[in-house]
Protein backbone atom coordinates (compact mmCIF):
# COMPACT_ATOMS: atom_id res chain seq x y z
CA LYS A 1 -7.69 -24.16 3.49
CA ASP A 2 -8.35 -20.46 2.87
CA VAL A 3 -5.46 -18.28 4.03
CA LYS A 4 -6.36 -14.70 4.84
CA GLY A 5 -4.29 -11.73 3.70
CA PRO A 6 -2.46 -9.35 6.00
CA SER A 7 -4.50 -7.84 8.80
CA LYS A 8 -5.02 -4.11 8.92
CA ASP A 9 -4.44 -3.71 12.65
CA SER A 10 -0.82 -4.86 12.70
CA THR A 11 2.22 -2.78 13.59
CA ALA A 12 4.00 -3.72 10.36
CA GLY A 13 5.86 -0.79 8.92
CA SER A 14 5.72 1.08 12.20
CA SER A 15 8.94 2.93 12.91
CA SER A 16 8.33 2.91 16.65
CA SER A 17 11.36 1.96 18.72
CA SER A 18 9.12 -0.27 20.83
CA PHE A 19 8.30 -2.52 17.88
CA GLN A 20 7.71 -6.15 18.91
CA ALA A 21 7.48 -8.89 16.28
CA PRO A 22 4.77 -11.44 17.13
CA GLN A 23 6.09 -14.74 18.47
CA TYR A 24 4.80 -18.30 18.27
CA GLU A 25 2.47 -19.22 21.15
CA SER A 26 0.54 -22.30 20.09
CA GLY A 27 -1.01 -24.00 17.08
CA GLU A 28 -0.03 -26.60 14.54
CA ASP A 29 -1.55 -25.47 11.24
CA TYR A 30 1.40 -26.40 9.03
CA GLU A 31 -0.61 -26.06 5.83
CA ALA A 32 -1.50 -22.44 6.60
CA GLN A 33 2.07 -21.78 7.73
CA SER A 34 3.39 -23.05 4.41
CA GLU A 35 0.99 -20.83 2.48
CA TYR A 36 1.87 -17.77 4.57
CA LYS A 37 5.59 -18.44 4.14
CA GLN A 38 5.21 -18.64 0.35
CA LYS A 39 3.13 -15.45 0.23
CA GLY A 40 5.72 -13.74 2.44
CA THR A 41 8.55 -14.85 0.18
CA ASP A 42 6.69 -13.67 -2.91
CA ALA A 43 5.98 -10.27 -1.34
CA LYS A 44 9.62 -9.94 -0.16
CA ASN A 45 10.93 -10.77 -3.63
CA GLU A 46 8.64 -8.09 -5.09
CA GLY A 47 9.99 -5.53 -2.62
CA ASN A 48 6.70 -5.28 -0.69
CA PHE A 49 8.28 -5.59 2.75
CA ASP A 50 5.25 -4.44 4.78
CA GLN A 51 3.11 -7.17 3.25
CA ALA A 52 5.91 -9.73 3.55
CA LEU A 53 6.23 -8.99 7.26
CA GLU A 54 2.50 -9.52 7.75
CA TYR A 55 2.62 -12.91 6.04
CA TYR A 56 5.75 -14.01 7.92
CA ASN A 57 4.16 -12.96 11.22
CA GLN A 58 1.09 -15.03 10.40
CA ALA A 59 3.32 -18.00 9.48
CA VAL A 60 5.17 -17.73 12.80
CA GLN A 61 1.90 -17.80 14.69
CA ALA A 62 0.33 -20.67 12.70
CA ALA A 63 2.75 -23.44 13.74
CA PRO A 64 6.16 -23.89 15.36
CA PRO A 65 8.45 -21.80 13.14
CA SER A 66 11.73 -22.89 11.59
CA ALA A 67 15.00 -21.01 11.79
CA LEU A 68 14.63 -20.17 8.10
CA LEU A 69 11.24 -18.54 8.69
CA TYR A 70 12.72 -16.40 11.47
CA ALA A 71 15.67 -15.52 9.21
CA ASN A 72 13.39 -14.43 6.37
CA ARG A 73 11.34 -12.31 8.76
CA ALA A 74 14.57 -10.78 10.12
CA VAL A 75 15.62 -9.76 6.61
CA VAL A 76 12.27 -8.03 6.12
CA LEU A 77 12.48 -6.33 9.52
CA GLU A 78 15.92 -5.01 8.62
CA GLN A 79 14.63 -3.66 5.30
CA LEU A 80 11.86 -1.87 7.22
CA GLY A 81 14.35 -0.33 9.65
CA HIS A 82 13.37 -2.33 12.75
């Protein structure tokens, strides 16, 4: 399955006080979620928090997220000042 990179129309990196992280709504693409999580972790470990947030957001929306996925996204959000 081809996993797309971060979208350009996201609010990642926005310093707005009304920032809302995307939440899971529906879907069960666990393969895509796994790929997005790994790409998010790689980006986070490289210090690229904007890109990491994009990947984690996509992972959250791909399939029911785990507590660990939410925790990793929270770390990135904190690094970005959200």
